[in-house]
Amino acid sequence: GFLHYVVTDCEFNSSKLNDIEYTESYYYNKLEIIRFSSSVGKFVGYTEVGIKNAERLNNGPEVIARRAQKESYCLHNVGIDVESDLTKS
């Protein structure tokens, strides 16, 4: 069979917005085909299909929505994780 999945990730060194990177990677059969990274600010394709889709996504509303995820998704959750870790250490 074929397997398609998405991995969303927030990498951080502190709870400050500048120290957080949001990534969203799309895989097909264990091969990463496209990725959005907040440090790059756009979708990047890694296969022929991924490159075509990255171009389409970068010219649509999807890229604007992903840029906002760093603040709306990561900043909130990183704050919870940092607070939780600091109270346990």
N, C-alpha and C. Protein backbone atom coordinates (compact mmCIF):
# COMPACT_ATOMS: atom_id res chain seq x y z
N GLY A 1 0.81 -1.18 0.00
CA GLY A 1 0.00 0.00 0.00
C GLY A 1 0.86 1.25 0.00
N PHE A 2 0.19 2.36 -0.10
CA PHE A 2 0.84 3.65 -0.11
C PHE A 2 0.56 4.36 1.21
N LEU A 3 1.53 5.12 1.66
CA LEU A 3 1.42 5.79 2.95
C LEU A 3 1.70 7.27 2.77
N HIS A 4 0.75 8.09 3.21
CA HIS A 4 0.91 9.54 3.17
C HIS A 4 0.71 10.06 4.59
N TYR A 5 1.63 10.90 5.08
CA TYR A 5 1.46 11.47 6.41
C TYR A 5 2.16 12.82 6.51
N VAL A 6 1.76 13.57 7.53
CA VAL A 6 2.29 14.91 7.76
C VAL A 6 2.88 14.96 9.16
N VAL A 7 4.06 15.55 9.28
CA VAL A 7 4.71 15.74 10.58
C VAL A 7 4.81 17.24 10.84
N THR A 8 4.21 17.68 11.94
CA THR A 8 4.27 19.08 12.36
C THR A 8 5.17 19.16 13.57
N ASP A 9 6.07 20.15 13.60
CA ASP A 9 7.09 20.19 14.64
C ASP A 9 7.37 21.64 15.05
N CYS A 10 7.58 21.84 16.34
CA CYS A 10 8.04 23.11 16.88
C CYS A 10 9.36 22.86 17.59
N GLU A 11 10.44 23.40 17.06
CA GLU A 11 11.75 23.26 17.70
C GLU A 11 12.07 24.58 18.38
N PHE A 12 12.57 24.50 19.62
CA PHE A 12 12.80 25.74 20.36
C PHE A 12 13.96 25.61 21.35
N ASN A 13 14.59 26.76 21.61
CA ASN A 13 15.64 26.85 22.62
C ASN A 13 15.15 27.63 23.84
N SER A 14 14.11 28.42 23.66
CA SER A 14 13.49 29.16 24.75
C SER A 14 12.05 29.44 24.34
N SER A 15 11.31 30.10 25.21
CA SER A 15 9.91 30.40 24.89
C SER A 15 9.77 31.72 24.12
N LYS A 16 10.88 32.32 23.71
CA LYS A 16 10.83 33.54 22.91
C LYS A 16 10.52 33.18 21.46
N LEU A 17 9.70 34.01 20.81
CA LEU A 17 9.27 33.73 19.45
C LEU A 17 10.45 33.59 18.48
N ASN A 18 11.50 34.36 18.67
CA ASN A 18 12.68 34.29 17.78
C ASN A 18 13.43 32.97 17.89
N ASP A 19 13.25 32.26 19.00
CA ASP A 19 13.96 30.99 19.22
C ASP A 19 13.13 29.77 18.85
N ILE A 20 12.04 29.97 18.14
CA ILE A 20 11.13 28.89 17.76
C ILE A 20 11.11 28.74 16.25
N GLU A 21 11.15 27.48 15.79
CA GLU A 21 10.99 27.20 14.36
C GLU A 21 9.83 26.22 14.19
N TYR A 22 8.91 26.58 13.32
CA TYR A 22 7.76 25.73 12.99
C TYR A 22 8.04 25.05 11.66
N THR A 23 7.88 23.73 11.60
CA THR A 23 8.01 23.01 10.34
C THR A 23 6.81 22.09 10.15
N GLU A 24 6.45 21.91 8.89
CA GLU A 24 5.38 21.00 8.52
C GLU A 24 5.87 20.24 7.30
N SER A 25 6.10 18.94 7.46
CA SER A 25 6.66 18.11 6.39
C SER A 25 5.63 17.10 5.92
N TYR A 26 5.53 16.94 4.60
CA TYR A 26 4.61 15.99 3.98
C TYR A 26 5.42 14.85 3.39
N TYR A 27 5.02 13.63 3.73
CA TYR A 27 5.73 12.43 3.28
C TYR A 27 4.81 11.54 2.45
N TYR A 28 5.40 10.84 1.50
CA TYR A 28 4.70 9.84 0.72
C TYR A 28 5.64 8.64 0.58
N ASN A 29 5.21 7.50 1.08
CA ASN A 29 6.03 6.29 1.08
C ASN A 29 7.40 6.52 1.71
N LYS A 30 7.42 7.17 2.88
CA LYS A 30 8.61 7.44 3.67
C LYS A 30 9.57 8.45 3.03
N LEU A 31 9.17 9.09 1.96
CA LEU A 31 10.00 10.08 1.27
C LEU A 31 9.38 11.46 1.48
N GLU A 32 10.18 12.38 2.02
CA GLU A 32 9.67 13.74 2.21
C GLU A 32 9.54 14.40 0.85
N ILE A 33 8.33 14.88 0.55
CA ILE A 33 8.09 15.47 -0.76
C ILE A 33 8.03 17.00 -0.70
N ILE A 34 7.59 17.55 0.45
CA ILE A 34 7.46 19.01 0.57
C ILE A 34 7.54 19.39 2.04
N ARG A 35 8.06 20.60 2.31
CA ARG A 35 8.18 21.08 3.69
C ARG A 35 7.95 22.58 3.75
N PHE A 36 7.24 22.99 4.80
CA PHE A 36 7.17 24.41 5.13
C PHE A 36 8.03 24.62 6.37
N SER A 37 8.88 25.62 6.34
CA SER A 37 9.71 25.98 7.48
C SER A 37 9.53 27.46 7.76
N SER A 38 9.28 27.80 9.02
CA SER A 38 9.09 29.21 9.35
C SER A 38 10.38 30.01 9.17
N SER A 39 11.53 29.37 9.26
CA SER A 39 12.79 30.09 9.06
C SER A 39 13.00 30.44 7.59
N VAL A 40 12.46 29.63 6.68
CA VAL A 40 12.53 29.92 5.24
C VAL A 40 11.34 30.79 4.84
N GLY A 41 10.18 30.56 5.45
CA GLY A 41 8.99 31.35 5.21
C GLY A 41 8.17 30.93 4.01
N LYS A 42 8.47 29.74 3.48
CA LYS A 42 7.71 29.25 2.33
C LYS A 42 7.83 27.73 2.25
N PHE A 43 7.05 27.14 1.34
CA PHE A 43 7.13 25.71 1.07
C PHE A 43 8.29 25.43 0.14
N VAL A 44 8.98 24.32 0.38
CA VAL A 44 10.07 23.88 -0.48
C VAL A 44 9.80 22.43 -0.88
N GLY A 45 9.88 22.15 -2.18
CA GLY A 45 9.63 20.81 -2.68
C GLY A 45 10.94 20.05 -2.84
N TYR A 46 10.89 18.73 -2.58
CA TYR A 46 12.07 17.88 -2.68
C TYR A 46 11.97 16.83 -3.77
N THR A 47 10.81 16.72 -4.38
CA THR A 47 10.61 15.81 -5.51
C THR A 47 9.93 16.61 -6.62
N GLU A 48 9.78 15.99 -7.78
CA GLU A 48 9.13 16.69 -8.90
C GLU A 48 7.72 17.12 -8.52
N VAL A 49 6.97 16.22 -7.91
CA VAL A 49 5.61 16.54 -7.46
C VAL A 49 5.65 17.59 -6.35
N GLY A 50 6.59 17.46 -5.44
CA GLY A 50 6.72 18.41 -4.34
C GLY A 50 7.05 19.81 -4.81
N ILE A 51 7.90 19.93 -5.80
CA ILE A 51 8.27 21.24 -6.35
C ILE A 51 7.06 21.92 -6.98
N LYS A 52 6.27 21.16 -7.73
CA LYS A 52 5.05 21.72 -8.35
C LYS A 52 4.06 22.17 -7.28
N ASN A 53 3.89 21.35 -6.25
CA ASN A 53 2.96 21.70 -5.18
C ASN A 53 3.47 22.88 -4.35
N ALA A 54 4.76 22.96 -4.13
CA ALA A 54 5.33 24.08 -3.38
C ALA A 54 5.06 25.39 -4.11
N GLU A 55 5.22 25.38 -5.41
CA GLU A 55 4.96 26.59 -6.20
C GLU A 55 3.49 27.00 -6.07
N ARG A 56 2.60 26.02 -6.16
CA ARG A 56 1.16 26.30 -6.04
C ARG A 56 0.83 26.82 -4.64
N LEU A 57 1.36 26.18 -3.61
CA LEU A 57 1.06 26.57 -2.23
C LEU A 57 1.65 27.94 -1.88
N ASN A 58 2.82 28.24 -2.41
CA ASN A 58 3.46 29.53 -2.13
C ASN A 58 2.72 30.69 -2.80
N ASN A 59 1.90 30.41 -3.79
CA ASN A 59 1.13 31.45 -4.47
C ASN A 59 -0.31 31.52 -3.98
N GLY A 60 -0.63 30.77 -2.94
CA GLY A 60 -2.00 30.74 -2.42
C GLY A 60 -2.06 31.14 -0.96
N PRO A 61 -3.23 31.04 -0.37
CA PRO A 61 -3.41 31.44 1.03
C PRO A 61 -2.75 30.49 2.04
N GLU A 62 -2.37 29.30 1.59
CA GLU A 62 -1.79 28.31 2.50
C GLU A 62 -0.49 28.80 3.12
N VAL A 63 0.34 29.49 2.35
CA VAL A 63 1.63 29.95 2.88
C VAL A 63 1.42 31.00 3.98
N ILE A 64 0.43 31.85 3.83
CA ILE A 64 0.14 32.86 4.86
C ILE A 64 -0.35 32.19 6.13
N ALA A 65 -1.19 31.17 5.98
CA ALA A 65 -1.69 30.43 7.15
C ALA A 65 -0.56 29.73 7.88
N ARG A 66 0.40 29.15 7.16
CA ARG A 66 1.51 28.45 7.80
C ARG A 66 2.44 29.42 8.52
N ARG A 67 2.63 30.60 7.96
CA ARG A 67 3.49 31.60 8.62
C ARG A 67 2.92 32.00 9.98
N ALA A 68 1.62 31.99 10.10
CA ALA A 68 0.97 32.36 11.37
C ALA A 68 1.05 31.25 12.41
N GLN A 69 1.31 30.01 11.99
CA GLN A 69 1.35 28.87 12.90
C GLN A 69 2.46 28.99 13.95
N LYS A 70 3.55 29.61 13.60
CA LYS A 70 4.66 29.76 14.56
C LYS A 70 4.17 30.46 15.82
N GLU A 71 3.41 31.51 15.62
CA GLU A 71 2.91 32.27 16.77
C GLU A 71 1.68 31.62 17.38
N SER A 72 0.71 31.22 16.57
CA SER A 72 -0.55 30.72 17.12
C SER A 72 -0.45 29.30 17.68
N TYR A 73 0.35 28.45 17.07
CA TYR A 73 0.45 27.06 17.51
C TYR A 73 1.67 26.84 18.40
N CYS A 74 2.84 27.19 17.90
CA CYS A 74 4.08 26.89 18.63
C CYS A 74 4.24 27.71 19.89
N LEU A 75 4.07 29.02 19.79
CA LEU A 75 4.32 29.89 20.94
C LEU A 75 3.48 29.48 22.13
N HIS A 76 2.22 29.16 21.89
CA HIS A 76 1.33 28.72 22.96
C HIS A 76 1.82 27.41 23.58
N ASN A 77 2.07 26.42 22.75
CA ASN A 77 2.47 25.10 23.26
C ASN A 77 3.86 25.09 23.87
N VAL A 78 4.78 25.85 23.31
CA VAL A 78 6.12 25.94 23.88
C VAL A 78 6.05 26.56 25.28
N GLY A 79 5.20 27.57 25.43
CA GLY A 79 5.02 28.19 26.75
C GLY A 79 4.55 27.18 27.78
N ILE A 80 3.63 26.32 27.38
CA ILE A 80 3.12 25.27 28.29
C ILE A 80 4.25 24.28 28.61
N ASP A 81 5.00 23.86 27.60
CA ASP A 81 6.09 22.90 27.81
C ASP A 81 7.18 23.47 28.71
N VAL A 82 7.58 24.71 28.48
CA VAL A 82 8.63 25.33 29.28
C VAL A 82 8.17 25.47 30.72
N GLU A 83 6.94 25.93 30.91
CA GLU A 83 6.39 26.09 32.27
C GLU A 83 6.34 24.73 32.99
N SER A 84 5.90 23.71 32.30
CA SER A 84 5.80 22.37 32.88
C SER A 84 7.18 21.83 33.25
N ASP A 85 8.16 22.02 32.37
CA ASP A 85 9.51 21.52 32.63
C ASP A 85 10.19 22.27 33.77
N LEU A 86 9.96 23.57 33.86
CA LEU A 86 10.61 24.37 34.90
C LEU A 86 10.07 24.01 36.29
N THR A 87 8.80 23.65 36.38
CA THR A 87 8.23 23.30 37.68
C THR A 87 8.67 21.92 38.14
N LYS A 88 9.18 21.08 37.21
CA LYS A 88 9.59 19.73 37.58
C LYS A 88 11.10 19.60 37.78
N SER A 89 11.86 20.59 37.38
CA SER A 89 13.33 20.44 37.49
C SER A 89 13.88 21.04 38.75
